[in-house]
PDB file of N, CA and C in Angstrom:
ATOM      1  N   UNK A   1      87.713  99.805  85.711  1.00  0.00           N
ATOM      2  CA  UNK A   1      87.446  98.482  85.722  1.00  0.00           C
ATOM      3  C   UNK A   1      88.007  97.410  84.865  1.00  0.00           C
ATOM      4  N   UNK A   2      89.216  97.279  84.653  1.00  0.00           N
ATOM      5  CA  UNK A   2      89.693  96.352  83.885  1.00  0.00           C
ATOM      6  C   UNK A   2      90.051  94.636  83.653  1.00  0.00           C
ATOM      7  N   UNK A   3      90.036  94.437  83.117  1.00  0.00           N
ATOM      8  CA  UNK A   3      90.110  92.727  83.509  1.00  0.00           C
ATOM      9  C   UNK A   3      90.884  92.640  82.684  1.00  0.00           C
ATOM     10  N   UNK A   4      92.017  91.848  83.207  1.00  0.00           N
ATOM     11  CA  UNK A   4      92.992  91.356  82.598  1.00  0.00           C
ATOM     12  C   UNK A   4      93.457  89.876  83.212  1.00  0.00           C
ATOM     13  N   UNK A   5      94.722  89.133  82.024  1.00  0.00           N
ATOM     14  CA  UNK A   5      94.485  88.245  82.351  1.00  0.00           C
ATOM     15  C   UNK A   5      95.671  87.846  82.935  1.00  0.00           C
ATOM     16  N   UNK A   6      96.189  86.720  83.249  1.00  0.00           N
ATOM     17  CA  UNK A   6      97.255  85.749  84.593  1.00  0.00           C
ATOM     18  C   UNK A   6      98.550  87.053  84.638  1.00  0.00           C
ATOM     19  N   UNK A   7      98.890  86.911  83.047  1.00  0.00           N
ATOM     20  CA  UNK A   7     100.070  86.839  82.833  1.00  0.00           C
ATOM     21  C   UNK A   7     100.348  88.995  82.854  1.00  0.00           C
ATOM     22  N   UNK A   8      99.316  89.678  81.925  1.00  0.00           N
ATOM     23  CA  UNK A   8      98.926  90.954  82.015  1.00  0.00           C
ATOM     24  C   UNK A   8      98.428  91.569  83.516  1.00  0.00           C
ATOM     25  N   UNK A   9      98.070  90.676  84.089  1.00  0.00           N
ATOM     26  CA  UNK A   9      97.943  91.271  85.539  1.00  0.00           C
ATOM     27  C   UNK A   9      99.472  91.305  86.353  1.00  0.00           C
ATOM     28  N   UNK A  10     100.126  89.561  86.410  1.00  0.00           N
ATOM     29  CA  UNK A  10     101.267  89.999  87.275  1.00  0.00           C
ATOM     30  C   UNK A  10     102.068  90.727  86.695  1.00  0.00           C
ATOM     31  N   UNK A  11     102.279  91.374  85.537  1.00  0.00           N
ATOM     32  CA  UNK A  11     103.347  91.569  85.051  1.00  0.00           C
ATOM     33  C   UNK A  11     102.994  93.389  85.552  1.00  0.00           C
ATOM     34  N   UNK A  12     101.666  94.173  85.531  1.00  0.00           N
ATOM     35  CA  UNK A  12     101.413  95.221  85.227  1.00  0.00           C
ATOM     36  C   UNK A  12     101.165  95.884  86.533  1.00  0.00           C
ATOM     37  N   UNK A  13     101.099  94.716  87.990  1.00  0.00           N
ATOM     38  CA  UNK A  13     101.285  94.518  89.236  1.00  0.00           C
ATOM     39  C   UNK A  13     102.968  95.332  89.833  1.00  0.00           C
ATOM     40  N   UNK A  14     103.437  94.211  89.391  1.00  0.00           N
ATOM     41  CA  UNK A  14     104.792  94.150  89.302  1.00  0.00           C
ATOM     42  C   UNK A  14     105.322  95.299  88.996  1.00  0.00           C
ATOM     43  N   UNK A  15     105.001  96.043  87.647  1.00  0.00           N
ATOM     44  CA  UNK A  15     105.832  97.414  87.167  1.00  0.00           C
ATOM     45  C   UNK A  15     105.523  98.492  88.491  1.00  0.00           C
ATOM     46  N   UNK A  16     104.063  98.217  88.502  1.00  0.00           N
ATOM     47  CA  UNK A  16     103.349  99.420  89.079  1.00  0.00           C
ATOM     48  C   UNK A  16     103.862 100.088  90.590  1.00  0.00           C
ATOM     49  N   UNK A  17     104.364 101.549  90.734  1.00  0.00           N
ATOM     50  CA  UNK A  17     104.665 101.636  92.559  1.00  0.00           C
ATOM     51  C   UNK A  17     103.691 102.037  93.309  1.00  0.00           C
ATOM     52  N   UNK A  18     101.983 102.574  92.437  1.00  0.00           N
ATOM     53  CA  UNK A  18     101.028 102.628  93.282  1.00  0.00           C
ATOM     54  C   UNK A  18     100.094 101.010  93.422  1.00  0.00           C
ATOM     55  N   UNK A  19     100.968 100.044  92.743  1.00  0.00           N
ATOM     56  CA  UNK A  19      99.939  98.610  93.134  1.00  0.00           C
ATOM     57  C   UNK A  19      99.724  98.285  94.731  1.00  0.00           C
ATOM     58  N   UNK A  20      98.113  97.842  95.057  1.00  0.00           N
ATOM     59  CA  UNK A  20      98.219  97.059  96.008  1.00  0.00           C
ATOM     60  C   UNK A  20      97.205  96.266  95.715  1.00  0.00           C
ATOM     61  N   UNK A  21      97.893  94.891  95.995  1.00  0.00           N
ATOM     62  CA  UNK A  21      97.547  93.568  95.461  1.00  0.00           C
ATOM     63  C   UNK A  21      95.830  93.244  96.461  1.00  0.00           C
ATOM     64  N   UNK A  22      94.541  92.534  95.963  1.00  0.00           N
ATOM     65  CA  UNK A  22      93.498  92.547  97.313  1.00  0.00           C
ATOM     66  C   UNK A  22      93.312  91.318  96.738  1.00  0.00           C
ATOM     67  N   UNK A  23      92.831  90.819  98.454  1.00  0.00           N
ATOM     68  CA  UNK A  23      92.295  89.299  98.289  1.00  0.00           C
ATOM     69  C   UNK A  23      90.964  89.048  98.685  1.00  0.00           C
ATOM     70  N   UNK A  24      89.897  89.061  97.850  1.00  0.00           N
ATOM     71  CA  UNK A  24      88.868  89.621  98.529  1.00  0.00           C
ATOM     72  C   UNK A  24      88.172  87.615  98.603  1.00  0.00           C
ATOM     73  N   UNK A  25      88.580  87.023  98.853  1.00  0.00           N
ATOM     74  CA  UNK A  25      88.321  85.917  99.453  1.00  0.00           C
ATOM     75  C   UNK A  25      88.094  85.645 100.852  1.00  0.00           C
ATOM     76  N   UNK A  26      87.462  84.377 101.129  1.00  0.00           N
ATOM     77  CA  UNK A  26      86.871  84.014 102.699  1.00  0.00           C
ATOM     78  C   UNK A  26      88.096  83.810 102.820  1.00  0.00           C
ATOM     79  N   UNK A  27      88.282  83.761 104.524  1.00  0.00           N
ATOM     80  CA  UNK A  27      89.064  83.125 105.448  1.00  0.00           C
ATOM     81  C   UNK A  27      89.809  82.244 105.224  1.00  0.00           C
ATOM     82  N   UNK A  28      89.075  81.085 105.143  1.00  0.00           N
ATOM     83  CA  UNK A  28      89.036  80.174 104.675  1.00  0.00           C
ATOM     84  C   UNK A  28      89.685  79.015 103.282  1.00  0.00           C
ATOM     85  N   UNK A  29      89.520  80.053 102.557  1.00  0.00           N
ATOM     86  CA  UNK A  29      90.092  80.921 100.900  1.00  0.00           C
ATOM     87  C   UNK A  29      91.095  80.636 101.206  1.00  0.00           C
ATOM     88  N   UNK A  30      91.619  81.956 102.167  1.00  0.00           N
ATOM     89  CA  UNK A  30      92.564  82.243 102.103  1.00  0.00           C
ATOM     90  C   UNK A  30      93.972  81.634 102.836  1.00  0.00           C
ATOM     91  N   UNK A  31      92.955  80.433 103.479  1.00  0.00           N
ATOM     92  CA  UNK A  31      94.578  79.295 103.941  1.00  0.00           C
ATOM     93  C   UNK A  31      94.844  78.539 103.253  1.00  0.00           C
ATOM     94  N   UNK A  32      94.216  78.014 102.138  1.00  0.00           N
ATOM     95  CA  UNK A  32      94.347  77.658 101.345  1.00  0.00           C
ATOM     96  C   UNK A  32      96.048  78.210 100.376  1.00  0.00           C
ATOM     97  N   UNK A  33      96.065  79.425 100.168  1.00  0.00           N
ATOM     98  CA  UNK A  33      97.005  79.868  99.753  1.00  0.00           C
ATOM     99  C   UNK A  33      97.105  81.264  99.425  1.00  0.00           C
ATOM    100  N   UNK A  34      97.532  82.685  99.069  1.00  0.00           N
ATOM    101  CA  UNK A  34      97.710  83.427  98.540  1.00  0.00           C
ATOM    102  C   UNK A  34      98.395  84.288  98.184  1.00  0.00           C
ATOM    103  N   UNK A  35      98.373  84.893  97.276  1.00  0.00           N
ATOM    104  CA  UNK A  35      99.122  85.923  96.601  1.00  0.00           C
ATOM    105  C   UNK A  35     100.015  87.019  97.535  1.00  0.00           C
ATOM    106  N   UNK A  36     101.608  86.643  98.235  1.00  0.00           N
ATOM    107  CA  UNK A  36     102.516  87.211  99.056  1.00  0.00           C
ATOM    108  C   UNK A  36     102.732  89.012  99.003  1.00  0.00           C
ATOM    109  N   UNK A  37     101.702  89.550 100.026  1.00  0.00           N
ATOM    110  CA  UNK A  37     102.126  90.643 100.248  1.00  0.00           C
ATOM    111  C   UNK A  37     100.477  91.458  99.941  1.00  0.00           C
ATOM    112  N   UNK A  38      99.491  90.423  99.403  1.00  0.00           N
ATOM    113  CA  UNK A  38      98.197  90.396  99.389  1.00  0.00           C
ATOM    114  C   UNK A  38      97.636  91.377 100.465  1.00  0.00           C
ATOM    115  N   UNK A  39      96.118  92.444 100.551  1.00  0.00           N
ATOM    116  CA  UNK A  39      95.656  92.924 101.727  1.00  0.00           C
ATOM    117  C   UNK A  39      94.370  91.927 101.458  1.00  0.00           C
ATOM    118  N   UNK A  40      93.468  91.380 102.832  1.00  0.00           N
ATOM    119  CA  UNK A  40      92.631  90.299 102.433  1.00  0.00           C
ATOM    120  C   UNK A  40      91.201  91.073 102.747  1.00  0.00           C
ATOM    121  N   UNK A  41      90.611  91.362 102.543  1.00  0.00           N
ATOM    122  CA  UNK A  41      89.273  92.042 102.725  1.00  0.00           C
ATOM    123  C   UNK A  41      87.361  90.614 101.871  1.00  0.00           C
ATOM    124  N   UNK A  42      87.276  90.501 103.202  1.00  0.00           N
ATOM    125  CA  UNK A  42      86.528  89.074 102.157  1.00  0.00           C
ATOM    126  C   UNK A  42      85.267  90.456 101.529  1.00  0.00           C
ATOM    127  N   UNK A  43      85.013  89.723 101.314  1.00  0.00           N
ATOM    128  CA  UNK A  43      83.535  90.421  99.762  1.00  0.00           C
ATOM    129  C   UNK A  43      82.235  90.597 100.434  1.00  0.00           C
ATOM    130  N   UNK A  44      82.274  88.933 101.086  1.00  0.00           N
ATOM    131  CA  UNK A  44      80.981  88.451 101.976  1.00  0.00           C
ATOM    132  C   UNK A  44      80.518  88.858 102.882  1.00  0.00           C
ATOM    133  N   UNK A  45      81.662  89.820 103.657  1.00  0.00           N
ATOM    134  CA  UNK A  45      80.872  90.416 104.964  1.00  0.00           C
ATOM    135  C   UNK A  45      80.912  91.820 104.253  1.00  0.00           C
ATOM    136  N   UNK A  46      79.825  92.052 103.989  1.00  0.00           N
ATOM    137  CA  UNK A  46      79.329  92.995 103.025  1.00  0.00           C
ATOM    138  C   UNK A  46      79.516  94.484 103.700  1.00  0.00           C
ATOM    139  N   UNK A  47      79.154  95.036 104.904  1.00  0.00           N
ATOM    140  CA  UNK A  47      79.386  96.287 105.758  1.00  0.00           C
ATOM    141  C   UNK A  47      80.764  95.849 106.005  1.00  0.00           C
ATOM    142  N   UNK A  48      81.631  95.045 106.309  1.00  0.00           N
ATOM    143  CA  UNK A  48      82.995  94.837 107.396  1.00  0.00           C
ATOM    144  C   UNK A  48      83.751  95.732 105.976  1.00  0.00           C
ATOM    145  N   UNK A  49      83.229  94.725 104.693  1.00  0.00           N
ATOM    146  CA  UNK A  49      84.126  94.896 103.190  1.00  0.00           C
ATOM    147  C   UNK A  49      84.032  96.779 102.617  1.00  0.00           C
ATOM    148  N   UNK A  50      83.001  96.822 102.732  1.00  0.00           N
ATOM    149  CA  UNK A  50      82.933  98.833 102.362  1.00  0.00           C
ATOM    150  C   UNK A  50      83.820  99.673 103.418  1.00  0.00           C
ATOM    151  N   UNK A  51      83.509  98.981 105.030  1.00  0.00           N
ATOM    152  CA  UNK A  51      84.238  99.860 105.535  1.00  0.00           C
ATOM    153  C   UNK A  51      85.588  99.686 105.402  1.00  0.00           C
ATOM    154  N   UNK A  52      86.081  99.089 105.167  1.00  0.00           N
ATOM    155  CA  UNK A  52      87.488  98.335 104.643  1.00  0.00           C
ATOM    156  C   UNK A  52      88.306  99.060 103.291  1.00  0.00           C
ATOM    157  N   UNK A  53      87.179  99.125 102.736  1.00  0.00           N
ATOM    158  CA  UNK A  53      87.236  99.701 101.362  1.00  0.00           C
ATOM    159  C   UNK A  53      87.755 101.834 102.247  1.00  0.00           C
ATOM    160  N   UNK A  54      86.563 102.046 103.026  1.00  0.00           N
ATOM    161  CA  UNK A  54      86.817 103.097 103.006  1.00  0.00           C
ATOM    162  C   UNK A  54      88.132 103.850 103.996  1.00  0.00           C
ATOM    163  N   UNK A  55      88.324 102.818 104.232  1.00  0.00           N
ATOM    164  CA  UNK A  55      90.291 102.900 104.739  1.00  0.00           C
ATOM    165  C   UNK A  55      91.138 103.574 103.752  1.00  0.00           C
ATOM    166  N   UNK A  56      90.412 102.260 102.283  1.00  0.00           N
ATOM    167  CA  UNK A  56      92.243 102.828 101.345  1.00  0.00           C
ATOM    168  C   UNK A  56      92.047 104.234 100.619  1.00  0.00           C
ATOM    169  N   UNK A  57      93.559 104.446 100.245  1.00  0.00           N
ATOM    170  CA  UNK A  57      93.651 105.173  99.151  1.00  0.00           C
ATOM    171  C   UNK A  57      93.259 105.107  97.624  1.00  0.00           C
ATOM    172  N   UNK A  58      91.788 105.941  97.404  1.00  0.00           N
ATOM    173  CA  UNK A  58      91.384 105.547  96.441  1.00  0.00           C
ATOM    174  C   UNK A  58      92.334 106.210  94.539  1.00  0.00           C
ATOM    175  N   UNK A  59      93.306 106.628  95.320  1.00  0.00           N
ATOM    176  CA  UNK A  59      94.077 107.079  93.770  1.00  0.00           C
ATOM    177  C   UNK A  59      95.024 105.875  93.840  1.00  0.00           C
ATOM    178  N   UNK A  60      95.147 105.066  94.268  1.00  0.00           N
ATOM    179  CA  UNK A  60      96.401 103.845  94.429  1.00  0.00           C
ATOM    180  C   UNK A  60      95.892 102.968  93.070  1.00  0.00           C
ATOM    181  N   UNK A  61      95.917 102.250  92.516  1.00  0.00           N
ATOM    182  CA  UNK A  61      95.726 101.273  92.164  1.00  0.00           C
ATOM    183  C   UNK A  61      95.595 100.010  92.852  1.00  0.00           C
ATOM    184  N   UNK A  62      94.512  98.779  92.084  1.00  0.00           N
ATOM    185  CA  UNK A  62      94.182  97.943  93.158  1.00  0.00           C
ATOM    186  C   UNK A  62      94.328  96.593  92.208  1.00  0.00           C
ATOM    187  N   UNK A  63      94.662  96.012  92.497  1.00  0.00           N
ATOM    188  CA  UNK A  63      94.680  94.636  91.692  1.00  0.00           C
ATOM    189  C   UNK A  63      94.367  93.759  92.573  1.00  0.00           C
ATOM    190  N   UNK A  64      92.588  92.800  91.994  1.00  0.00           N
ATOM    191  CA  UNK A  64      92.005  92.353  92.502  1.00  0.00           C
ATOM    192  C   UNK A  64      91.808  90.665  92.268  1.00  0.00           C
ATOM    193  N   UNK A  65      92.136  90.149  93.120  1.00  0.00           N
ATOM    194  CA  UNK A  65      91.222  88.740  92.749  1.00  0.00           C
ATOM    195  C   UNK A  65      90.730  87.753  93.692  1.00  0.00           C
ATOM    196  N   UNK A  66      90.189  86.713  93.608  1.00  0.00           N
ATOM    197  CA  UNK A  66      88.974  85.806  94.333  1.00  0.00           C
ATOM    198  C   UNK A  66      89.731  84.398  93.878  1.00  0.00           C
ATOM    199  N   UNK A  67      88.831  83.636  94.131  1.00  0.00           N
ATOM    200  CA  UNK A  67      89.314  82.521  93.597  1.00  0.00           C
ATOM    201  C   UNK A  67      89.023  82.142  92.047  1.00  0.00           C
ATOM    202  N   UNK A  68      88.010  82.669  91.471  1.00  0.00           N
ATOM    203  CA  UNK A  68      87.424  82.396  89.829  1.00  0.00           C
ATOM    204  C   UNK A  68      87.292  83.670  89.046  1.00  0.00           C
ATOM    205  N   UNK A  69      87.140  85.037  90.223  1.00  0.00           N
ATOM    206  CA  UNK A  69      87.776  86.296  88.875  1.00  0.00           C
ATOM    207  C   UNK A  69      85.796  86.947  88.865  1.00  0.00           C
ATOM    208  N   UNK A  70      85.148  85.794  89.812  1.00  0.00           N
ATOM    209  CA  UNK A  70      83.486  86.416  89.836  1.00  0.00           C
ATOM    210  C   UNK A  70      83.415  87.667  91.064  1.00  0.00           C
ATOM    211  N   UNK A  71      83.505  87.203  92.034  1.00  0.00           N
ATOM    212  CA  UNK A  71      83.874  88.180  93.660  1.00  0.00           C
ATOM    213  C   UNK A  71      85.038  89.339  93.429  1.00  0.00           C
ATOM    214  N   UNK A  72      85.764  88.643  92.855  1.00  0.00           N
ATOM    215  CA  UNK A  72      86.880  90.144  92.402  1.00  0.00           C
ATOM    216  C   UNK A  72      86.524  91.363  91.416  1.00  0.00           C
ATOM    217  N   UNK A  73      85.534  90.603  90.173  1.00  0.00           N
ATOM    218  CA  UNK A  73      85.143  91.182  89.378  1.00  0.00           C
ATOM    219  C   UNK A  73      84.036  92.529  89.724  1.00  0.00           C
ATOM    220  N   UNK A  74      83.026  91.947  90.863  1.00  0.00           N
ATOM    221  CA  UNK A  74      81.965  92.215  91.647  1.00  0.00           C
ATOM    222  C   UNK A  74      82.893  93.487  92.655  1.00  0.00           C
ATOM    223  N   UNK A  75      83.892  93.053  93.058  1.00  0.00           N
ATOM    224  CA  UNK A  75      84.404  94.101  94.083  1.00  0.00           C
ATOM    225  C   UNK A  75      85.098  95.410  93.625  1.00  0.00           C
ATOM    226  N   UNK A  76      85.398  94.882  91.984  1.00  0.00           N
ATOM    227  CA  UNK A  76      86.103  95.770  91.181  1.00  0.00           C
ATOM    228  C   UNK A  76      84.863  97.050  90.989  1.00  0.00           C
ATOM    229  N   UNK A  77      83.432  97.088  90.399  1.00  0.00           N
ATOM    230  CA  UNK A  77      82.501  97.230  90.142  1.00  0.00           C
ATOM    231  C   UNK A  77      81.894  97.921  91.494  1.00  0.00           C
ATOM    232  N   UNK A  78      81.857  97.612  92.714  1.00  0.00           N
ATOM    233  CA  UNK A  78      81.773  98.190  93.898  1.00  0.00           C
ATOM    234  C   UNK A  78      82.878  99.835  93.955  1.00  0.00           C
ATOM    235  N   UNK A  79      84.249  99.600  94.186  1.00  0.00           N
ATOM    236  CA  UNK A  79      85.668 100.430  94.320  1.00  0.00           C
ATOM    237  C   UNK A  79      85.079 101.226  92.722  1.00  0.00           C
ATOM    238  N   UNK A  80      84.587 100.658  91.954  1.00  0.00           N
ATOM    239  CA  UNK A  80      84.369 101.989  91.175  1.00  0.00           C
ATOM    240  C   UNK A  80      83.759 102.883  90.863  1.00  0.00           C
ATOM    241  N   UNK A  81      82.386 102.333  92.277  1.00  0.00           N
ATOM    242  CA  UNK A  81      81.477 103.464  91.899  1.00  0.00           C
ATOM    243  C   UNK A  81      81.907 104.041  93.026  1.00  0.00           C
ATOM    244  N   UNK A  82      82.768 103.795  93.856  1.00  0.00           N
ATOM    245  CA  UNK A  82      82.943 104.634  94.884  1.00  0.00           C
ATOM    246  C   UNK A  82      84.071 105.278  95.320  1.00  0.00           C
ATOM    247  N   UNK A  83      84.361 105.294  94.322  1.00  0.00           N
ATOM    248  CA  UNK A  83      85.320 106.628  93.600  1.00  0.00           C
ATOM    249  C   UNK A  83      87.355 105.811  93.032  1.00  0.00           C
ATOM    250  N   UNK A  84      87.286 104.653  92.923  1.00  0.00           N
ATOM    251  CA  UNK A  84      88.513 104.415  93.292  1.00  0.00           C
ATOM    252  C   UNK A  84      88.817 104.391  91.355  1.00  0.00           C
ATOM    253  N   UNK A  85      89.762 105.222  91.921  1.00  0.00           N
ATOM    254  CA  UNK A  85      90.384 105.672  90.174  1.00  0.00           C
ATOM    255  C   UNK A  85      90.799 104.159  89.177  1.00  0.00           C
ATOM    256  N   UNK A  86      91.827 103.148  89.813  1.00  0.00           N
ATOM    257  CA  UNK A  86      92.528 102.266  88.462  1.00  0.00           C
ATOM    258  C   UNK A  86      91.915 101.336  89.637  1.00  0.00           C
ATOM    259  N   UNK A  87      90.903 100.510  88.895  1.00  0.00           N
ATOM    260  CA  UNK A  87      91.003  98.391  89.563  1.00  0.00           C
ATOM    261  C   UNK A  87      91.204  97.951  88.488  1.00  0.00           C
ATOM    262  N   UNK A  88      91.795  96.420  88.769  1.00  0.00           N
ATOM    263  CA  UNK A  88      91.963  95.561  87.552  1.00  0.00           C
ATOM    264  C   UNK A  88      91.669  94.250  88.284  1.00  0.00           C
ATOM    265  N   UNK A  89      90.584  94.038  87.907  1.00  0.00           N
ATOM    266  CA  UNK A  89      90.146  92.159  88.106  1.00  0.00           C
ATOM    267  C   UNK A  89      90.510  91.181  87.227  1.00  0.00           C
ATOM    268  N   UNK A  90      91.230  90.007  87.869  1.00  0.00           N
ATOM    269  CA  UNK A  90      92.160  88.954  87.409  1.00  0.00           C
ATOM    270  C   UNK A  90      91.398  87.995  86.612  1.00  0.00           C
ATOM    271  N   UNK A  91      91.269  87.784  85.336  1.00  0.00           N
ATOM    272  CA  UNK A  91      90.254  86.732  84.967  1.00  0.00           C
ATOM    273  C   UNK A  91      90.503  85.143  85.491  1.00  0.00           C
ATOM    274  N   UNK A  92      89.893  84.453  85.764  1.00  0.00           N
ATOM    275  CA  UNK A  92      90.635  83.268  85.999  1.00  0.00           C
ATOM    276  C   UNK A  92      90.805  83.090  87.248  1.00  0.00           C
ATOM    277  N   UNK A  93      90.542  84.037  87.998  1.00  0.00           N
ATOM    278  CA  UNK A  93      90.382  84.232  89.862  1.00  0.00           C
ATOM    279  C   UNK A  93      92.442  83.462  89.895  1.00  0.00           C
ATOM    280  N   UNK A  94      92.524  83.434  91.473  1.00  0.00           N
ATOM    281  CA  UNK A  94      93.481  82.920  92.047  1.00  0.00           C
ATOM    282  C   UNK A  94      93.663  80.995  91.661  1.00  0.00           C
ATOM    283  N   UNK A  95      92.480  80.313  91.007  1.00  0.00           N
ATOM    284  CA  UNK A  95      92.475  78.978  90.857  1.00  0.00           C
ATOM    285  C   UNK A  95      93.221  79.063  89.996  1.00  0.00           C
ATOM    286  N   UNK A  96      93.238  79.764  88.591  1.00  0.00           N
ATOM    287  CA  UNK A  96      94.536  79.689  87.575  1.00  0.00           C
ATOM    288  C   UNK A  96      95.968  80.012  87.956  1.00  0.00           C
ATOM    289  N   UNK A  97      96.056  80.365  89.184  1.00  0.00           N
ATOM    290  CA  UNK A  97      96.983  81.409  89.417  1.00  0.00           C
ATOM    291  C   UNK A  97      98.760  80.550  89.686  1.00  0.00           C
ATOM    292  N   UNK A  98      99.506  81.120  88.618  1.00  0.00           N
ATOM    293  CA  UNK A  98     100.540  80.097  88.664  1.00  0.00           C
ATOM    294  C   UNK A  98     101.806  81.016  89.584  1.00  0.00           C
ATOM    295  N   UNK A  99     102.074  82.033  89.821  1.00  0.00           N
ATOM    296  CA  UNK A  99     103.110  82.932  90.016  1.00  0.00           C
ATOM    297  C   UNK A  99     103.227  82.456  91.402  1.00  0.00           C
ATOM    298  N   UNK A 100     104.357  83.497  92.116  1.00  0.00           N
ATOM    299  CA  UNK A 100     104.183  83.522  93.336  1.00  0.00           C
ATOM    300  C   UNK A 100     103.033  82.794  94.483  1.00  0.00           C
ATOM    301  N   UNK A 101     103.293  82.058  95.881  1.00  0.00           N
ATOM    302  CA  UNK A 101     101.846  81.768  96.586  1.00  0.00           C
ATOM    303  C   UNK A 101     102.345  81.818  97.921  1.00  0.00           C
ATOM    304  N   UNK A 102     101.418  82.262  98.807  1.00  0.00           N
ATOM    305  CA  UNK A 102     102.191  81.161 100.102  1.00  0.00           C
ATOM    306  C   UNK A 102     101.139  80.123 100.639  1.00  0.00           C
ATOM    307  N   UNK A 103     101.481  79.450 100.378  1.00  0.00           N
ATOM    308  CA  UNK A 103     100.720  78.279 101.489  1.00  0.00           C
ATOM    309  C   UNK A 103     100.687  77.991 102.280  1.00  0.00           C
TER     310      UNK A 103
END
């Protein structure tokens, strides 16, 4: 896992042909807004979260975010343990997001 600030995370994801943006927040949080194109998998739904991870291509690059950066950091650690090659955690999370968003 690599920890990236908002600017680094946004720029790296935009230039990455293998980028997958992963939102690990709850459905209620997602209703308040999300980054367009994000795949949503709630980390609080533990077994469902793991089942959904197993369906993902481990060779892609995952840009992971939550509200504050804590759950996404946990998600990146889990993904790393499960063999994902590249995970990037958004420091500060969606609450600090200044880029394009859907509300």
